[in-house]
N, C-alpha and C. Protein backbone atom coordinates (compact mmCIF):
# COMPACT_ATOMS: atom_id res chain seq x y z
N UNK A 1 -6.33 51.43 8.93
CA UNK A 1 -6.79 50.49 10.07
C UNK A 1 -6.89 51.33 10.93
N UNK A 2 -8.06 50.67 11.83
CA UNK A 2 -8.67 51.49 13.41
C UNK A 2 -8.24 50.68 14.40
N UNK A 3 -7.96 51.33 15.29
CA UNK A 3 -7.42 50.70 16.53
C UNK A 3 -8.14 51.20 17.59
N UNK A 4 -8.81 50.46 18.25
CA UNK A 4 -10.00 51.13 19.57
C UNK A 4 -9.27 50.52 20.80
N UNK A 5 -9.77 51.37 21.81
CA UNK A 5 -9.58 50.94 23.06
C UNK A 5 -10.77 50.91 23.51
N UNK A 6 -10.80 50.75 24.80
CA UNK A 6 -11.88 49.98 26.17
C UNK A 6 -12.57 51.74 25.99
N UNK A 7 -13.74 51.58 26.00
CA UNK A 7 -14.64 52.73 26.56
C UNK A 7 -16.09 52.69 25.54
N UNK A 8 -16.60 53.68 25.77
CA UNK A 8 -18.36 53.25 25.13
C UNK A 8 -18.38 53.30 23.52
N UNK A 9 -16.68 54.14 22.86
CA UNK A 9 -16.66 54.09 21.53
C UNK A 9 -15.74 52.76 21.65
N UNK A 10 -15.83 51.76 22.06
CA UNK A 10 -14.40 50.60 21.72
C UNK A 10 -14.86 49.62 20.47
N UNK A 11 -16.46 49.67 20.31
CA UNK A 11 -16.88 48.86 19.46
C UNK A 11 -16.89 49.19 17.99
N UNK A 12 -16.50 50.30 18.03
CA UNK A 12 -16.35 51.12 16.59
C UNK A 12 -15.43 49.89 15.37
N UNK A 13 -14.49 49.50 16.31
CA UNK A 13 -13.74 48.70 15.00
C UNK A 13 -14.67 47.36 14.58
N UNK A 14 -15.79 47.02 14.97
CA UNK A 14 -16.89 46.30 14.72
C UNK A 14 -17.88 46.99 13.78
N UNK A 15 -17.87 47.96 13.62
CA UNK A 15 -19.23 48.62 13.02
C UNK A 15 -18.48 49.50 11.94
N UNK A 16 -17.25 49.71 11.23
CA UNK A 16 -16.86 49.79 9.99
C UNK A 16 -16.04 48.98 9.49
N UNK A 17 -16.14 49.10 8.18
CA UNK A 17 -15.78 47.57 7.44
C UNK A 17 -13.96 47.92 6.70
N UNK A 18 -13.11 47.56 7.70
CA UNK A 18 -11.93 48.07 7.34
C UNK A 18 -10.90 47.02 8.78
N UNK A 19 -9.82 47.19 8.22
CA UNK A 19 -9.17 46.28 9.16
C UNK A 19 -9.25 46.93 10.42
N UNK A 20 -9.01 46.34 11.38
CA UNK A 20 -9.19 47.00 13.02
C UNK A 20 -8.67 45.84 14.03
N UNK A 21 -8.34 46.69 14.80
CA UNK A 21 -7.59 45.79 16.44
C UNK A 21 -8.47 46.34 17.68
N UNK A 22 -8.93 45.70 18.39
CA UNK A 22 -9.54 46.45 19.71
C UNK A 22 -8.41 45.98 20.94
N UNK A 23 -7.68 46.86 21.20
CA UNK A 23 -6.70 47.22 22.20
C UNK A 23 -6.88 47.08 23.74
N UNK A 24 -6.38 46.75 24.66
CA UNK A 24 -6.51 47.20 26.08
C UNK A 24 -6.30 48.17 26.38
N UNK A 25 -6.75 49.02 27.54
CA UNK A 25 -7.16 49.97 28.03
C UNK A 25 -5.59 50.98 27.90
N UNK A 26 -6.08 52.19 27.49
CA UNK A 26 -4.51 52.68 27.32
C UNK A 26 -3.67 52.77 26.70
N UNK A 27 -3.64 51.68 25.37
CA UNK A 27 -2.80 51.16 24.46
C UNK A 27 -3.19 51.69 23.06
N UNK A 28 -4.23 52.58 22.85
CA UNK A 28 -4.13 52.67 21.75
C UNK A 28 -2.97 53.46 20.70
N UNK A 29 -2.28 53.97 21.14
CA UNK A 29 -1.31 54.82 20.69
C UNK A 29 0.23 53.91 20.25
N UNK A 30 0.43 52.68 21.53
CA UNK A 30 1.52 52.39 20.93
C UNK A 30 1.42 51.41 20.01
N UNK A 31 0.08 50.63 19.99
CA UNK A 31 -0.31 49.82 18.79
C UNK A 31 -0.66 50.56 17.28
N UNK A 32 -1.39 51.77 17.35
CA UNK A 32 -1.46 52.31 16.32
C UNK A 32 0.24 52.83 15.70
N UNK A 33 1.20 53.24 16.91
CA UNK A 33 2.60 53.67 16.11
C UNK A 33 2.91 52.16 15.87
N UNK A 34 2.84 51.12 15.86
CA UNK A 34 3.82 49.89 15.62
C UNK A 34 2.96 49.75 14.07
N UNK A 35 1.68 49.85 13.93
CA UNK A 35 1.03 49.16 12.57
C UNK A 35 1.34 50.57 11.86
N UNK A 36 1.83 51.94 11.97
CA UNK A 36 2.25 52.77 10.63
C UNK A 36 3.76 52.42 10.53
N UNK A 37 4.36 52.25 11.61
CA UNK A 37 5.88 51.87 11.53
C UNK A 37 5.67 50.72 10.34
N UNK A 38 5.26 49.56 10.67
CA UNK A 38 5.29 48.39 9.99
C UNK A 38 4.63 48.71 8.39
N UNK A 39 3.80 49.42 8.51
CA UNK A 39 3.51 49.67 7.08
C UNK A 39 3.09 51.25 6.96
N UNK A 40 3.94 51.87 6.06
CA UNK A 40 3.73 53.58 6.30
C UNK A 40 2.85 53.91 5.11
N UNK A 41 2.28 53.22 4.48
CA UNK A 41 1.12 53.26 3.12
C UNK A 41 0.03 53.34 3.80
N UNK A 42 -0.18 52.59 4.83
CA UNK A 42 -1.73 52.33 5.74
C UNK A 42 -2.16 53.62 6.40
N UNK A 43 -3.52 54.28 5.91
CA UNK A 43 -3.83 54.89 7.24
C UNK A 43 -4.65 54.14 8.42
N UNK A 44 -3.78 54.79 9.46
CA UNK A 44 -3.90 54.75 10.66
C UNK A 44 -4.79 55.64 11.91
N UNK A 45 -6.08 54.93 12.21
CA UNK A 45 -7.16 56.16 12.92
C UNK A 45 -7.14 55.47 14.45
N UNK A 46 -7.10 55.96 15.48
CA UNK A 46 -6.72 55.36 16.78
C UNK A 46 -8.47 56.31 17.42
N UNK A 47 -8.92 54.88 17.92
CA UNK A 47 -10.41 56.00 18.47
C UNK A 47 -10.04 55.48 19.88
N UNK A 48 -9.96 56.42 21.13
CA UNK A 48 -9.80 56.12 22.48
C UNK A 48 -10.78 57.01 23.38
N UNK A 49 -11.46 56.66 24.74
CA UNK A 49 -12.38 57.22 25.37
C UNK A 49 -11.48 57.82 26.10
N UNK A 50 -12.05 59.12 26.82
CA UNK A 50 -11.41 59.99 27.69
C UNK A 50 -10.78 59.38 28.91
N UNK A 51 -11.42 58.57 29.38
CA UNK A 51 -10.23 57.73 30.33
C UNK A 51 -9.24 56.52 30.11
N UNK A 52 -9.63 56.06 28.73
CA UNK A 52 -8.52 55.85 28.22
C UNK A 52 -7.32 56.38 27.52
N UNK A 53 -7.68 57.55 26.96
CA UNK A 53 -6.27 58.34 26.67
C UNK A 53 -6.03 58.93 27.83
N UNK A 54 -6.42 60.08 28.28
CA UNK A 54 -6.36 60.85 29.35
C UNK A 54 -5.82 60.11 30.78
N UNK A 55 -6.33 58.94 31.15
CA UNK A 55 -5.83 58.40 32.46
C UNK A 55 -4.55 57.51 32.24
N UNK A 56 -5.05 56.13 32.07
CA UNK A 56 -4.04 55.39 31.71
C UNK A 56 -3.23 55.50 31.00
N UNK A 57 -3.64 55.98 29.49
CA UNK A 57 -2.78 55.85 28.33
C UNK A 57 -2.45 57.40 28.00
N UNK A 58 -2.27 58.17 29.18
CA UNK A 58 -1.79 59.47 28.64
C UNK A 58 -0.32 60.14 28.37
N UNK A 59 0.34 58.59 29.05
CA UNK A 59 1.76 58.75 28.94
C UNK A 59 2.37 58.82 27.37
N UNK A 60 1.47 57.72 26.35
CA UNK A 60 1.82 58.15 25.36
C UNK A 60 1.36 58.98 24.26
N UNK A 61 0.21 59.84 24.79
CA UNK A 61 0.09 61.07 23.78
C UNK A 61 1.02 62.10 23.80
N UNK A 62 2.18 62.37 24.76
CA UNK A 62 2.72 63.38 24.54
C UNK A 62 4.16 62.68 23.06
N UNK A 63 4.69 61.15 23.44
CA UNK A 63 5.54 60.87 22.78
C UNK A 63 4.87 60.64 21.17
N UNK A 64 3.52 60.12 21.09
CA UNK A 64 3.02 59.98 19.90
C UNK A 64 2.84 61.55 18.93
N UNK A 65 2.77 62.60 19.90
CA UNK A 65 2.64 63.76 19.14
C UNK A 65 4.11 64.10 18.64
N UNK A 66 5.22 64.33 19.24
CA UNK A 66 6.66 64.93 19.25
C UNK A 66 6.93 63.86 18.10
N UNK A 67 6.71 62.56 17.91
CA UNK A 67 7.03 61.95 16.99
C UNK A 67 6.89 61.99 15.43
N UNK A 68 5.53 62.69 15.34
CA UNK A 68 4.76 63.32 14.48
C UNK A 68 4.05 62.41 13.93
N UNK A 69 4.21 61.04 13.91
CA UNK A 69 3.82 59.96 12.45
C UNK A 69 2.87 60.30 12.09
N UNK A 70 2.19 59.47 11.04
CA UNK A 70 1.35 60.16 10.63
C UNK A 70 -0.21 59.08 10.94
N UNK A 71 -0.82 59.80 11.98
CA UNK A 71 -2.01 58.83 12.70
C UNK A 71 -2.48 59.87 13.22
N UNK A 72 -3.73 59.45 12.87
CA UNK A 72 -4.87 60.34 13.42
C UNK A 72 -5.57 59.72 14.60
N UNK A 73 -5.65 60.66 15.79
CA UNK A 73 -6.36 59.92 17.37
C UNK A 73 -7.33 61.17 17.36
N UNK A 74 -8.50 59.88 17.57
CA UNK A 74 -9.76 60.48 17.75
C UNK A 74 -10.13 60.32 19.37
N UNK A 75 -10.08 61.35 20.06
CA UNK A 75 -10.33 60.79 21.71
C UNK A 75 -12.11 61.29 22.24
N UNK A 76 -13.11 60.26 22.30
CA UNK A 76 -14.52 60.34 22.53
C UNK A 76 -14.44 60.77 23.89
N UNK A 77 -14.62 62.24 23.99
CA UNK A 77 -14.38 62.71 25.54
C UNK A 77 -15.87 62.99 25.98
N UNK A 78 -16.70 61.68 27.00
CA UNK A 78 -17.43 62.48 27.27
C UNK A 78 -17.66 62.85 29.01
N UNK A 79 -16.23 62.95 29.74
CA UNK A 79 -15.55 63.17 30.77
C UNK A 79 -16.12 62.55 31.99
N UNK A 80 -16.30 61.17 31.60
CA UNK A 80 -17.01 60.21 32.72
C UNK A 80 -16.62 58.86 32.56
N UNK A 81 -16.20 57.82 33.23
CA UNK A 81 -16.07 56.56 32.61
C UNK A 81 -17.59 55.91 32.53
N UNK A 82 -18.09 55.87 31.64
CA UNK A 82 -19.58 55.38 31.62
C UNK A 82 -19.60 53.88 31.22
N UNK A 83 -18.66 52.85 30.83
CA UNK A 83 -19.00 51.50 31.05
C UNK A 83 -18.74 50.74 32.61
N UNK A 84 -18.05 51.63 33.68
CA UNK A 84 -18.27 51.50 35.11
C UNK A 84 -19.41 52.08 35.58
N UNK A 85 -19.95 52.90 34.81
CA UNK A 85 -21.02 53.27 35.68
C UNK A 85 -20.78 54.42 36.47
N UNK A 86 -20.13 55.42 35.94
CA UNK A 86 -20.12 56.74 36.02
C UNK A 86 -18.86 57.40 37.04
N UNK A 87 -17.51 56.86 36.80
CA UNK A 87 -16.38 57.10 37.63
C UNK A 87 -16.06 58.53 37.16
N UNK A 88 -15.39 59.24 37.86
CA UNK A 88 -14.71 60.63 37.27
C UNK A 88 -13.45 59.68 36.22
N UNK A 89 -13.25 60.84 35.47
CA UNK A 89 -11.54 60.68 34.43
C UNK A 89 -11.07 61.77 34.93
N UNK A 90 -10.16 62.04 34.08
CA UNK A 90 -9.21 63.36 34.26
C UNK A 90 -9.46 64.45 33.27
N UNK A 91 -10.89 64.21 32.70
CA UNK A 91 -11.29 65.46 32.41
C UNK A 91 -12.93 65.69 32.81
N UNK A 92 -13.47 65.26 34.25
CA UNK A 92 -14.76 65.19 34.39
C UNK A 92 -14.16 66.50 35.52
N UNK A 93 -15.51 67.42 35.10
CA UNK A 93 -15.07 68.76 35.82
C UNK A 93 -15.32 68.90 37.69
N UNK A 94 -14.51 69.78 37.98
CA UNK A 94 -14.27 70.14 39.44
C UNK A 94 -15.53 70.15 40.24
N UNK A 95 -15.84 69.26 40.76
CA UNK A 95 -17.16 69.57 41.71
C UNK A 95 -18.32 68.56 41.38
N UNK A 96 -18.31 67.71 40.12
CA UNK A 96 -19.31 67.23 40.01
C UNK A 96 -19.07 65.65 40.74
N UNK A 97 -20.61 65.09 41.29
CA UNK A 97 -20.87 64.30 41.93
C UNK A 97 -20.85 63.12 40.96
N UNK A 98 -20.29 61.73 41.28
CA UNK A 98 -20.47 60.54 40.66
C UNK A 98 -20.32 59.10 41.82
N UNK A 99 -20.17 58.62 41.33
CA UNK A 99 -20.00 57.29 42.10
C UNK A 99 -19.00 57.23 42.92
N UNK A 100 -17.65 57.79 42.31
CA UNK A 100 -16.77 57.51 43.18
C UNK A 100 -16.10 58.94 43.66
N UNK A 101 -16.70 59.87 43.50
CA UNK A 101 -16.65 61.23 44.19
C UNK A 101 -18.05 61.67 44.61
N UNK A 102 -18.71 60.98 45.90
CA UNK A 102 -20.21 61.40 45.91
C UNK A 102 -20.20 62.82 46.71
N UNK A 103 -18.53 63.36 47.29
CA UNK A 103 -19.05 64.44 47.78
C UNK A 103 -18.11 65.88 46.58
N UNK A 104 -18.06 65.54 45.20
CA UNK A 104 -17.81 65.91 44.46
C UNK A 104 -16.05 66.22 44.07
N UNK A 105 -16.03 66.13 42.71
CA UNK A 105 -14.83 65.80 42.24
C UNK A 105 -13.89 67.07 43.06
N UNK A 106 -12.61 66.33 43.14
CA UNK A 106 -11.80 67.78 44.10
C UNK A 106 -10.66 68.33 43.17
N UNK A 107 -10.63 67.65 41.87
CA UNK A 107 -9.37 67.96 41.01
C UNK A 107 -9.78 68.78 39.78
N UNK A 108 -8.75 69.72 39.52
CA UNK A 108 -9.24 70.36 38.53
C UNK A 108 -8.75 69.25 36.94
N UNK A 109 -9.94 69.72 36.32
CA UNK A 109 -9.94 68.76 34.66
C UNK A 109 -8.52 69.07 34.29
N UNK A 110 -8.22 67.82 33.71
CA UNK A 110 -7.14 67.97 32.38
C UNK A 110 -7.34 68.66 31.42
N UNK A 111 -7.02 69.54 30.77
CA UNK A 111 -7.28 70.04 29.33
C UNK A 111 -6.00 69.56 28.29
N UNK A 112 -6.92 68.35 27.60
CA UNK A 112 -6.37 68.05 26.52
C UNK A 112 -5.75 68.60 25.15
N UNK A 113 -6.61 69.44 24.64
CA UNK A 113 -6.20 70.78 23.90
C UNK A 113 -4.78 71.14 24.12
N UNK A 114 -4.29 71.86 25.51
CA UNK A 114 -3.22 72.22 26.12
C UNK A 114 -2.06 71.30 26.11
N UNK A 115 -2.33 70.11 26.48
CA UNK A 115 -1.52 68.89 26.52
C UNK A 115 -0.93 68.59 25.11
N UNK A 116 -2.03 68.49 24.49
CA UNK A 116 -1.65 68.09 22.78
C UNK A 116 -0.72 69.06 22.24
N UNK A 117 -1.07 70.82 22.09
CA UNK A 117 -0.57 71.10 21.84
C UNK A 117 0.76 71.35 22.51
N UNK A 118 1.27 71.21 23.70
CA UNK A 118 2.22 71.71 24.10
C UNK A 118 3.01 70.31 23.87
N UNK A 119 2.47 69.42 23.54
CA UNK A 119 3.47 68.20 23.50
C UNK A 119 3.84 68.13 21.58
N UNK A 120 3.39 69.08 20.81
CA UNK A 120 4.20 69.40 19.69
C UNK A 120 3.19 68.42 18.48
N UNK A 121 2.03 68.44 18.88
CA UNK A 121 0.74 68.14 17.61
C UNK A 121 1.01 68.82 16.65
N UNK A 122 0.91 68.18 15.47
CA UNK A 122 0.99 69.47 14.30
C UNK A 122 -0.60 69.50 13.93
N UNK A 123 -1.25 68.84 14.53
CA UNK A 123 -3.10 68.91 13.89
C UNK A 123 -3.52 68.69 14.95
N UNK A 124 -4.30 69.88 15.80
CA UNK A 124 -4.93 69.83 17.05
C UNK A 124 -6.22 70.25 16.81
N UNK A 125 -7.34 69.55 17.27
CA UNK A 125 -8.81 70.22 17.04
C UNK A 125 -9.54 69.88 18.33
N UNK A 126 -10.90 70.11 18.02
CA UNK A 126 -12.12 69.76 19.11
C UNK A 126 -13.18 70.14 18.63
N UNK A 127 -14.18 68.54 18.43
CA UNK A 127 -15.64 68.81 17.75
C UNK A 127 -16.76 68.74 18.55
N UNK A 128 -17.72 68.78 18.29
CA UNK A 128 -18.93 68.02 18.92
C UNK A 128 -19.61 67.19 18.02
N UNK A 129 -20.32 66.34 19.13
CA UNK A 129 -20.74 65.18 18.19
C UNK A 129 -21.98 65.42 18.01
N UNK A 130 -22.45 66.75 18.08
CA UNK A 130 -23.87 67.31 17.63
C UNK A 130 -23.87 68.22 16.72
N UNK A 131 -23.05 68.30 16.20
CA UNK A 131 -22.57 69.02 14.86
C UNK A 131 -22.05 67.88 14.33
N UNK A 132 -22.30 66.78 13.35
CA UNK A 132 -21.60 65.88 13.01
C UNK A 132 -21.42 66.08 11.57
N UNK A 133 -21.49 67.25 10.58
CA UNK A 133 -21.16 68.11 9.37
C UNK A 133 -19.89 68.53 9.94
N UNK A 134 -19.66 69.33 11.30
CA UNK A 134 -18.28 69.61 11.26
C UNK A 134 -17.39 68.83 11.97
N UNK A 135 -17.94 67.65 12.40
CA UNK A 135 -16.88 66.71 13.07
C UNK A 135 -16.42 65.73 12.02
N UNK A 136 -17.57 65.47 10.71
CA UNK A 136 -16.98 64.84 9.66
C UNK A 136 -15.79 65.51 9.02
N UNK A 137 -15.86 67.10 8.89
CA UNK A 137 -14.78 68.02 8.20
C UNK A 137 -13.50 67.26 9.18
N UNK A 138 -13.54 67.74 10.76
CA UNK A 138 -12.28 67.89 11.03
C UNK A 138 -11.41 66.27 11.15
N UNK A 139 -12.88 65.31 10.92
CA UNK A 139 -11.92 63.93 10.73
C UNK A 139 -11.33 63.97 9.10
N UNK A 140 -11.98 64.20 8.32
CA UNK A 140 -11.22 64.38 7.37
C UNK A 140 -10.25 64.98 6.67
N UNK A 141 -10.13 66.26 7.03
CA UNK A 141 -8.74 67.17 7.63
C UNK A 141 -7.69 66.44 8.62
N UNK A 142 -8.05 65.80 9.34
CA UNK A 142 -7.14 65.03 9.93
C UNK A 142 -6.52 63.87 9.88
N UNK A 143 -7.55 63.52 8.89
CA UNK A 143 -6.74 62.12 8.13
C UNK A 143 -5.91 62.57 7.10
N UNK A 144 -6.33 63.97 6.31
CA UNK A 144 -5.57 64.25 5.30
C UNK A 144 -4.39 64.89 5.52
N UNK A 145 -4.23 65.17 6.93
CA UNK A 145 -2.37 65.94 7.26
C UNK A 145 -1.72 64.74 7.44
N UNK A 146 -0.81 65.34 7.10
CA UNK A 146 0.77 64.50 7.00
C UNK A 146 1.28 64.35 8.41
N UNK A 147 1.31 63.65 9.47
CA UNK A 147 1.56 64.23 10.52
C UNK A 147 0.43 63.69 11.68
N UNK A 148 1.02 63.86 13.00
CA UNK A 148 0.45 63.14 14.21
C UNK A 148 -1.31 64.43 14.05
N UNK A 149 -2.32 63.56 14.03
CA UNK A 149 -3.47 64.90 13.99
C UNK A 149 -4.27 64.20 15.75
N UNK A 150 -4.66 65.32 16.00
CA UNK A 150 -5.09 64.73 17.36
C UNK A 150 -6.63 65.54 17.25
N UNK A 151 -7.41 64.74 17.48
CA UNK A 151 -9.06 65.44 17.83
C UNK A 151 -9.86 65.04 18.82
N UNK A 152 -10.17 65.65 19.83
CA UNK A 152 -10.70 65.64 20.57
C UNK A 152 -12.41 65.92 20.59
N UNK A 153 -13.29 64.73 20.80
CA UNK A 153 -14.68 64.66 20.59
C UNK A 153 -15.57 65.26 21.71
N UNK A 154 -16.14 66.35 21.78
CA UNK A 154 -17.09 66.61 23.27
C UNK A 154 -18.60 65.87 22.94
N UNK A 155 -18.47 64.72 23.72
CA UNK A 155 -20.21 63.94 23.57
C UNK A 155 -20.54 63.77 24.71
N UNK A 156 -21.71 64.07 24.67
CA UNK A 156 -22.84 63.52 25.97
C UNK A 156 -22.80 61.79 26.13
N UNK A 157 -22.48 61.48 27.59
CA UNK A 157 -22.68 60.34 28.47
C UNK A 157 -24.31 60.27 28.75
N UNK A 158 -25.16 59.40 27.77
CA UNK A 158 -26.59 59.80 28.22
C UNK A 158 -26.85 59.33 29.14
N UNK A 159 -26.03 58.29 29.83
CA UNK A 159 -26.58 57.53 31.09
C UNK A 159 -25.87 58.36 32.31
N UNK A 160 -24.88 58.81 32.84
CA UNK A 160 -24.09 59.31 33.47
C UNK A 160 -24.21 61.04 33.59
N UNK A 161 -23.74 61.19 32.42
CA UNK A 161 -23.42 62.87 32.31
C UNK A 161 -23.68 63.31 30.85
N UNK A 162 -24.97 63.76 30.85
CA UNK A 162 -25.72 64.48 29.33
C UNK A 162 -25.81 65.63 29.42
N UNK A 163 -24.54 66.08 28.70
CA UNK A 163 -23.69 67.35 28.37
C UNK A 163 -24.47 67.71 26.85
N UNK A 164 -25.46 67.18 26.29
CA UNK A 164 -25.68 67.52 25.07
C UNK A 164 -26.32 69.03 24.96
N UNK A 165 -27.04 69.26 25.68
CA UNK A 165 -27.83 70.68 25.59
C UNK A 165 -26.66 71.69 26.14
N UNK A 166 -25.75 71.76 27.12
CA UNK A 166 -25.01 72.29 27.43
C UNK A 166 -24.08 72.51 26.38
N UNK A 167 -23.44 71.62 26.06
CA UNK A 167 -22.57 72.15 24.63
C UNK A 167 -23.09 72.54 23.59
N UNK A 168 -24.37 72.12 23.37
CA UNK A 168 -25.52 72.83 22.25
C UNK A 168 -25.07 74.17 22.64
N UNK A 169 -25.34 74.63 23.82
CA UNK A 169 -25.65 76.46 23.60
C UNK A 169 -24.33 76.75 23.67
N UNK A 170 -22.82 76.31 24.27
CA UNK A 170 -21.80 77.24 24.34
C UNK A 170 -20.87 76.59 22.95
N UNK A 171 -20.65 75.46 22.35
CA UNK A 171 -20.13 75.18 21.04
C UNK A 171 -20.15 76.11 20.23
N UNK A 172 -19.18 76.78 19.64
CA UNK A 172 -18.91 77.35 18.58
C UNK A 172 -17.83 76.94 17.57
N UNK A 173 -17.78 76.93 16.16
CA UNK A 173 -16.54 76.51 15.10
C UNK A 173 -15.66 77.99 15.44
N UNK A 174 -14.31 77.59 15.47
CA UNK A 174 -13.22 78.66 15.91
C UNK A 174 -13.04 79.34 14.53
N UNK A 175 -13.53 78.42 13.34
CA UNK A 175 -13.00 79.01 11.99
C UNK A 175 -14.28 80.08 11.57
N UNK A 176 -15.26 79.98 12.32
CA UNK A 176 -16.59 81.09 11.96
C UNK A 176 -15.98 81.88 12.90
N UNK A 177 -14.86 82.24 13.40
CA UNK A 177 -14.60 83.26 14.36
C UNK A 177 -12.96 83.89 13.52
N UNK A 178 -12.37 85.12 14.21
CA UNK A 178 -11.55 85.55 13.39
C UNK A 178 -9.92 85.10 13.85
N UNK A 179 -10.19 83.67 14.29
CA UNK A 179 -9.09 82.93 14.89
C UNK A 179 -8.10 82.85 13.43
N UNK A 180 -6.62 83.27 13.80
CA UNK A 180 -6.02 82.72 12.72
C UNK A 180 -5.20 81.21 12.80
N UNK A 181 -5.68 80.37 11.96
CA UNK A 181 -5.10 79.25 12.43
C UNK A 181 -3.84 79.12 11.94
């Protein structure tokens, strides 16, 4: 079952041929939790945008992580509210000028990886939409993981914050380093 929230990713529930539900803003995790609790045999995957997950829905992340239900939560993080023409989200970089912050964003961005780790998520990953092979691998591993799997996807908003080249130059695979998983 795919549960999708509000955001540029939101129509994924119509593009994948599985059972799905499109929910109101910020409520992907409560609905995904209810589905998993009602049928433990289902594979449940939640898709949320960064505004959906880290603004109105942020209160649900720590509880879903600590409950450790077998749900995969994929957050499409483009660091901007693209559907509403470019306002800041909790992951928008400090200083960035948008329609809602014409003098620059005054807040430090939320670090979703640290939030997931501090909340007790048992699978935490970040991928880049410009590396589909690696992203596919992360999705597969997250789905296979028995427990709460959190995957933050860095992806550009081509309309309001195109970070493709920025990330292309800076993103690397952690497993290609000497990091001990």
